[in-house]
């Protein structure tokens, strides 16, 4: 496997894992996607894309979401923090 393919597979894995972690953290805090979108000034659709792992978020947005969820950003980077 070439380096580029190897990196792409990790990016895909983490994009999905981070999205799942954000979704689970949001649900644990009993927030709706609408509430999280309002707190982060993002659209509800964009929150959905992030949670499904179909859209990767910028570092700034990632930190804003972590702050809104009151969770340490590094916890959202774990492959799966909620099972």
C-alpha atoms as a PDB file:
ATOM      1  CA  UNK A   1       0.000   0.000   0.000  1.00  0.00           C
ATOM      2  CA  UNK A   2       1.381   3.372  -0.954  1.00  0.00           C
ATOM      3  CA  UNK A   3       1.783   6.060   1.687  1.00  0.00           C
ATOM      4  CA  UNK A   4      -0.997   8.191   0.193  1.00  0.00           C
ATOM      5  CA  UNK A   5      -3.460   5.267   0.318  1.00  0.00           C
ATOM      6  CA  UNK A   6      -2.384   4.430   3.857  1.00  0.00           C
ATOM      7  CA  UNK A   7      -2.939   8.004   5.031  1.00  0.00           C
ATOM      8  CA  UNK A   8      -6.301   8.178   3.245  1.00  0.00           C
ATOM      9  CA  UNK A   9      -7.500   5.044   5.020  1.00  0.00           C
ATOM     10  CA  UNK A  10      -6.582   6.577   8.399  1.00  0.00           C
ATOM     11  CA  UNK A  11      -8.287   9.851   7.498  1.00  0.00           C
ATOM     12  CA  UNK A  12     -11.453   7.940   6.589  1.00  0.00           C
ATOM     13  CA  UNK A  13     -11.294   5.902   9.800  1.00  0.00           C
ATOM     14  CA  UNK A  14     -10.825   8.934  12.027  1.00  0.00           C
ATOM     15  CA  UNK A  15     -13.411  11.035  10.203  1.00  0.00           C
ATOM     16  CA  UNK A  16     -16.025   8.367  10.957  1.00  0.00           C
ATOM     17  CA  UNK A  17     -14.791   7.756  14.520  1.00  0.00           C
ATOM     18  CA  UNK A  18     -14.725  11.450  15.391  1.00  0.00           C
ATOM     19  CA  UNK A  19     -18.216  11.865  13.956  1.00  0.00           C
ATOM     20  CA  UNK A  20     -19.516   8.934  16.013  1.00  0.00           C
ATOM     21  CA  UNK A  21     -17.856  10.305  19.133  1.00  0.00           C
ATOM     22  CA  UNK A  22     -19.389  13.743  18.574  1.00  0.00           C
ATOM     23  CA  UNK A  23     -22.820  12.195  18.048  1.00  0.00           C
ATOM     24  CA  UNK A  24     -22.531  10.037  21.164  1.00  0.00           C
ATOM     25  CA  UNK A  25     -21.252  12.922  23.291  1.00  0.00           C
ATOM     26  CA  UNK A  26     -24.117  15.093  22.040  1.00  0.00           C
ATOM     27  CA  UNK A  27     -26.690  12.423  22.870  1.00  0.00           C
ATOM     28  CA  UNK A  28     -25.139  11.783  26.287  1.00  0.00           C
ATOM     29  CA  UNK A  29     -25.630  15.469  27.045  1.00  0.00           C
ATOM     30  CA  UNK A  30     -29.195  15.284  25.699  1.00  0.00           C
ATOM     31  CA  UNK A  31     -28.544  17.916  23.042  1.00  0.00           C
ATOM     32  CA  UNK A  32     -30.331  17.890  19.721  1.00  0.00           C
ATOM     33  CA  UNK A  33     -28.474  18.529  16.500  1.00  0.00           C
ATOM     34  CA  UNK A  34     -30.323  21.824  16.378  1.00  0.00           C
ATOM     35  CA  UNK A  35     -29.034  22.861  19.812  1.00  0.00           C
ATOM     36  CA  UNK A  36     -25.465  21.937  18.907  1.00  0.00           C
ATOM     37  CA  UNK A  37     -25.771  23.761  15.595  1.00  0.00           C
ATOM     38  CA  UNK A  38     -27.026  26.868  17.394  1.00  0.00           C
ATOM     39  CA  UNK A  39     -24.188  26.769  19.960  1.00  0.00           C
ATOM     40  CA  UNK A  40     -21.534  26.379  17.272  1.00  0.00           C
ATOM     41  CA  UNK A  41     -23.125  28.620  14.614  1.00  0.00           C
ATOM     42  CA  UNK A  42     -23.136  25.675  12.172  1.00  0.00           C
ATOM     43  CA  UNK A  43     -26.051  24.367  10.154  1.00  0.00           C
ATOM     44  CA  UNK A  44     -28.027  21.354  11.312  1.00  0.00           C
ATOM     45  CA  UNK A  45     -27.141  19.669   8.017  1.00  0.00           C
ATOM     46  CA  UNK A  46     -23.430  20.217   8.625  1.00  0.00           C
ATOM     47  CA  UNK A  47     -23.714  18.700  12.124  1.00  0.00           C
ATOM     48  CA  UNK A  48     -25.387  15.672  10.541  1.00  0.00           C
ATOM     49  CA  UNK A  49     -22.623  15.343   7.942  1.00  0.00           C
ATOM     50  CA  UNK A  50     -19.982  15.489  10.673  1.00  0.00           C
ATOM     51  CA  UNK A  51     -21.755  12.895  12.813  1.00  0.00           C
ATOM     52  CA  UNK A  52     -22.146  10.498   9.866  1.00  0.00           C
ATOM     53  CA  UNK A  53     -18.502  10.933   8.928  1.00  0.00           C
ATOM     54  CA  UNK A  54     -19.280  12.261   5.468  1.00  0.00           C
ATOM     55  CA  UNK A  55     -17.729  15.668   6.155  1.00  0.00           C
ATOM     56  CA  UNK A  56     -14.415  16.325   7.831  1.00  0.00           C
ATOM     57  CA  UNK A  57     -14.307  19.402  10.000  1.00  0.00           C
ATOM     58  CA  UNK A  58     -11.589  21.996  10.338  1.00  0.00           C
ATOM     59  CA  UNK A  59      -9.522  22.182  13.503  1.00  0.00           C
ATOM     60  CA  UNK A  60     -11.320  25.391  14.482  1.00  0.00           C
ATOM     61  CA  UNK A  61     -14.743  23.784  14.057  1.00  0.00           C
ATOM     62  CA  UNK A  62     -13.592  20.641  15.850  1.00  0.00           C
ATOM     63  CA  UNK A  63     -12.513  22.715  18.860  1.00  0.00           C
ATOM     64  CA  UNK A  64     -15.745  24.732  18.810  1.00  0.00           C
ATOM     65  CA  UNK A  65     -17.807  21.530  18.821  1.00  0.00           C
ATOM     66  CA  UNK A  66     -15.737  20.057  21.669  1.00  0.00           C
ATOM     67  CA  UNK A  67     -16.174  23.270  23.663  1.00  0.00           C
ATOM     68  CA  UNK A  68     -19.936  23.317  23.041  1.00  0.00           C
ATOM     69  CA  UNK A  69     -20.141  19.685  24.193  1.00  0.00           C
ATOM     70  CA  UNK A  70     -17.950  20.451  27.213  1.00  0.00           C
ATOM     71  CA  UNK A  71     -15.580  17.627  26.400  1.00  0.00           C
ATOM     72  CA  UNK A  72     -11.818  17.538  26.099  1.00  0.00           C
ATOM     73  CA  UNK A  73     -10.976  17.550  22.372  1.00  0.00           C
ATOM     74  CA  UNK A  74      -8.562  14.635  22.704  1.00  0.00           C
ATOM     75  CA  UNK A  75     -11.416  12.432  23.920  1.00  0.00           C
ATOM     76  CA  UNK A  76     -13.185  12.967  20.618  1.00  0.00           C
ATOM     77  CA  UNK A  77     -10.078  11.763  18.781  1.00  0.00           C
ATOM     78  CA  UNK A  78     -10.207   8.292  20.313  1.00  0.00           C
ATOM     79  CA  UNK A  79     -11.297   5.662  17.860  1.00  0.00           C
ATOM     80  CA  UNK A  80     -14.326   4.925  20.034  1.00  0.00           C
ATOM     81  CA  UNK A  81     -14.959   6.469  23.400  1.00  0.00           C
ATOM     82  CA  UNK A  82     -18.553   5.351  23.645  1.00  0.00           C
ATOM     83  CA  UNK A  83     -19.502   1.764  23.028  1.00  0.00           C
END
